[in-house]
Amino acid sequence: MLRGNKVGLRARHEDDIPILRAELYDDVVNSSRAESGPWRPITPGSKDPRLVVDDKEQGHVPFSVVELDGGTLVGTATLWGIDNHNRSAHIGLGLLPSYRGKGYGTDAVAVLCHYGFVVRGLQRLQIETLSDNTAMLRSAERNGFVREGVLRSAAWVMGEFLDQVLLGLLVQDWKPTSKASL
């Protein structure tokens, strides 16, 4: 497990899946805001690709986020779109509603940065988020990410186009804010 100050990132467990499905992906509004495509219902027990881990997929590393005190599941964190040639990747994060606003997101982003830069040897990490997602913007900026641009009306979400903010962090600009460790 990778450890931060408040959270740990560990492999996805089978018993995480029903919780994540119920609290993140079955929520139409939340899922529509987090995914790059339209929400659609997934049959219970199916192999939902957002939740079931394919250990052979090298360009996508999903984690379950757990509290260090007690090991309670608080969400998901992902390094995706890993490009080993250009040494870059994207960060994704989804916290269960009852764990938002408690600093877990900022710590999870810090641990993902540690994983990307130290463990994977990447040069650049990137986050794309909706312009009104102040929690993710705050978590990214607290970890040193810089706003690099706005993609105007780039995301179709629940009947309207929304702007996306593009944030980037280079390894030479990274200042660890967490005591991330293995």
Protein backbone atom coordinates (compact mmCIF):
# COMPACT_ATOMS: atom_id res chain seq x y z
CA MET A 1 0.00 0.00 0.00
CA LEU A 2 1.09 3.55 -0.73
CA ARG A 3 0.62 5.80 2.30
CA GLY A 4 0.00 9.50 2.65
CA ASN A 5 -0.78 11.51 5.78
CA LYS A 6 -4.47 10.53 5.93
CA VAL A 7 -5.07 7.95 3.20
CA GLY A 8 -3.59 4.86 1.70
CA LEU A 9 -3.85 3.72 -1.90
CA ARG A 10 -4.21 -0.02 -2.24
CA ALA A 11 -5.32 -2.59 -4.79
CA ARG A 12 -9.06 -2.83 -5.47
CA HIS A 13 -10.76 -5.55 -3.40
CA GLU A 14 -13.84 -7.41 -4.55
CA ASP A 15 -15.85 -6.08 -1.59
CA ASP A 16 -15.02 -2.46 -2.63
CA ILE A 17 -16.99 -2.83 -5.85
CA PRO A 18 -20.58 -2.78 -4.50
CA ILE A 19 -19.79 0.27 -2.33
CA LEU A 20 -18.16 2.19 -5.18
CA ARG A 21 -20.96 1.25 -7.57
CA ALA A 22 -23.70 2.34 -5.14
CA GLU A 23 -22.09 5.56 -3.90
CA LEU A 24 -20.24 6.80 -7.00
CA TYR A 25 -21.39 5.19 -10.23
CA ASP A 26 -25.12 4.66 -9.61
CA ASP A 27 -25.40 8.38 -8.79
CA VAL A 28 -26.40 9.76 -12.20
CA VAL A 29 -25.27 13.36 -11.58
CA ASN A 30 -21.94 12.45 -9.94
CA SER A 31 -21.14 9.84 -12.56
CA SER A 32 -22.07 12.20 -15.40
CA ARG A 33 -19.71 14.83 -14.00
CA ALA A 34 -16.85 12.36 -13.47
CA GLU A 35 -16.99 10.32 -16.67
CA SER A 36 -16.16 11.44 -20.18
CA GLY A 37 -19.31 9.84 -21.54
CA PRO A 38 -22.99 9.66 -20.70
CA TRP A 39 -24.19 7.78 -17.64
CA ARG A 40 -25.68 4.38 -18.28
CA PRO A 41 -26.91 1.75 -15.86
CA ILE A 42 -24.69 -1.25 -15.29
CA THR A 43 -26.27 -4.58 -14.40
CA PRO A 44 -25.37 -5.69 -10.85
CA GLY A 45 -22.71 -8.38 -10.95
CA SER A 46 -21.47 -7.40 -14.41
CA LYS A 47 -17.81 -6.75 -15.07
CA ASP A 48 -18.07 -2.95 -14.95
CA PRO A 49 -14.79 -1.76 -16.53
CA ARG A 50 -14.74 1.32 -14.27
CA LEU A 51 -14.56 -0.91 -11.20
CA VAL A 52 -13.14 -4.31 -12.12
CA VAL A 53 -9.37 -4.16 -12.44
CA ASP A 54 -7.60 -5.63 -15.45
CA ASP A 55 -4.13 -6.39 -14.09
CA LYS A 56 -2.78 -6.74 -17.64
CA GLU A 57 -3.71 -3.15 -18.60
CA GLN A 58 -0.43 -1.24 -18.20
CA GLY A 59 -1.73 2.22 -19.09
CA HIS A 60 -4.31 2.39 -16.30
CA VAL A 61 -3.58 1.89 -12.58
CA PRO A 62 -6.69 2.03 -10.38
CA PHE A 63 -6.45 2.20 -6.61
CA SER A 64 -8.96 2.07 -3.80
CA VAL A 65 -8.48 4.97 -1.38
CA VAL A 66 -8.74 3.99 2.30
CA GLU A 67 -8.40 5.89 5.57
CA LEU A 68 -5.13 5.07 7.29
CA ASP A 69 -6.96 5.03 10.63
CA GLY A 70 -9.15 1.96 10.32
CA GLY A 71 -8.86 1.14 6.62
CA THR A 72 -12.35 2.39 5.68
CA LEU A 73 -12.91 2.74 1.94
CA VAL A 74 -13.25 6.42 1.01
CA GLY A 75 -13.03 6.34 -2.79
CA THR A 76 -10.98 5.66 -5.91
CA ALA A 77 -7.79 7.13 -7.34
CA THR A 78 -6.37 6.38 -10.76
CA LEU A 79 -3.29 7.01 -12.82
CA TRP A 80 -4.53 6.65 -16.39
CA GLY A 81 -3.40 7.31 -19.93
CA ILE A 82 0.13 6.37 -18.89
CA ASP A 83 2.50 7.15 -21.74
CA ASN A 84 5.86 5.49 -21.06
CA HIS A 85 7.52 7.10 -24.08
CA ASN A 86 6.68 10.69 -23.09
CA ARG A 87 6.70 9.74 -19.39
CA SER A 88 3.33 11.30 -18.64
CA ALA A 89 -0.03 10.30 -17.18
CA HIS A 90 -3.38 11.67 -16.04
CA ILE A 91 -4.81 11.64 -12.52
CA GLY A 92 -8.39 10.73 -11.66
CA LEU A 93 -10.07 10.82 -8.27
CA GLY A 94 -13.52 9.98 -6.89
CA LEU A 95 -14.41 10.27 -3.22
CA LEU A 96 -17.53 8.83 -1.62
CA PRO A 97 -19.93 11.68 -0.72
CA SER A 98 -19.54 11.35 3.07
CA TYR A 99 -15.74 11.70 2.82
CA ARG A 100 -15.60 14.87 0.73
CA GLY A 101 -14.33 18.12 2.26
CA LYS A 102 -12.08 16.40 4.81
CA GLY A 103 -8.68 16.66 3.09
CA TYR A 104 -8.68 13.13 1.70
CA GLY A 105 -8.63 14.37 -1.91
CA THR A 106 -5.57 16.56 -1.42
CA ASP A 107 -3.74 13.70 0.29
CA ALA A 108 -4.77 11.17 -2.38
CA VAL A 109 -3.46 13.49 -5.14
CA ALA A 110 -0.18 13.80 -3.19
CA VAL A 111 0.15 10.02 -3.00
CA LEU A 112 -0.63 9.68 -6.72
CA CYS A 113 2.11 12.23 -7.42
CA HIS A 114 4.54 10.18 -5.34
CA TYR A 115 3.53 7.05 -7.24
CA GLY A 116 3.80 8.74 -10.64
CA PHE A 117 7.07 10.58 -10.08
CA VAL A 118 8.97 8.29 -7.69
CA VAL A 119 7.66 4.79 -8.41
CA ARG A 120 6.90 5.16 -12.14
CA GLY A 121 9.60 7.72 -13.03
CA LEU A 122 7.20 10.00 -14.90
CA GLN A 123 8.05 13.54 -16.02
CA ARG A 124 4.55 15.04 -16.16
CA LEU A 125 1.18 14.51 -14.48
CA GLN A 126 -2.02 16.11 -15.73
CA ILE A 127 -5.52 16.67 -14.40
CA GLU A 128 -8.60 17.65 -16.38
CA THR A 129 -11.61 18.67 -14.31
CA LEU A 130 -14.79 20.67 -14.69
CA SER A 131 -14.29 24.37 -14.03
CA ASP A 132 -16.81 24.30 -11.16
CA ASN A 133 -15.12 21.38 -9.38
CA THR A 134 -13.53 23.59 -6.75
CA ALA A 135 -12.57 20.64 -4.54
CA MET A 136 -10.44 19.00 -7.27
CA LEU A 137 -8.99 22.35 -8.36
CA ARG A 138 -8.01 23.06 -4.76
CA SER A 139 -6.52 19.57 -4.25
CA ALA A 140 -4.49 19.89 -7.45
CA GLU A 141 -3.19 23.38 -6.72
CA ARG A 142 -2.27 22.47 -3.13
CA ASN A 143 -0.06 19.78 -4.66
CA GLY A 144 1.66 22.22 -7.02
CA PHE A 145 -0.39 21.72 -10.19
CA VAL A 146 -0.54 24.80 -12.41
CA ARG A 147 -3.56 25.81 -14.48
CA GLU A 148 -2.42 25.52 -18.07
CA GLY A 149 -5.64 26.27 -19.85
CA VAL A 150 -9.38 26.14 -20.11
CA LEU A 151 -11.13 23.99 -22.68
CA ARG A 152 -14.24 26.04 -23.31
CA SER A 153 -17.52 24.10 -23.49
CA ALA A 154 -15.56 20.85 -23.77
CA ALA A 155 -17.77 18.62 -21.59
CA TRP A 156 -21.42 17.74 -22.17
CA VAL A 157 -22.85 17.20 -18.68
CA MET A 158 -26.52 16.71 -17.87
CA GLY A 159 -27.86 18.81 -20.72
CA GLU A 160 -25.27 21.59 -20.92
CA PHE A 161 -21.72 22.21 -22.06
CA LEU A 162 -19.23 23.00 -19.28
CA ASP A 163 -15.66 24.25 -19.37
CA GLN A 164 -12.81 21.98 -18.37
CA VAL A 165 -9.66 23.19 -16.65
CA LEU A 166 -6.35 21.60 -17.62
CA LEU A 167 -3.71 21.44 -14.88
CA GLY A 168 -0.17 20.10 -15.11
CA LEU A 169 2.73 19.31 -12.81
CA LEU A 170 6.31 18.55 -13.88
CA VAL A 171 8.57 16.43 -11.72
CA GLN A 172 11.09 19.27 -11.33
CA ASP A 173 8.34 21.53 -9.93
CA TRP A 174 6.94 18.89 -7.56
CA LYS A 175 7.34 19.53 -3.85
CA PRO A 176 5.99 16.58 -1.87
CA THR A 177 3.28 17.80 0.53
CA SER A 178 2.66 14.41 2.05
CA LYS A 179 4.84 11.89 3.79
CA ALA A 180 3.95 9.43 1.04
CA SER A 181 5.67 6.10 1.45
CA LEU A 182 5.38 2.51 0.43
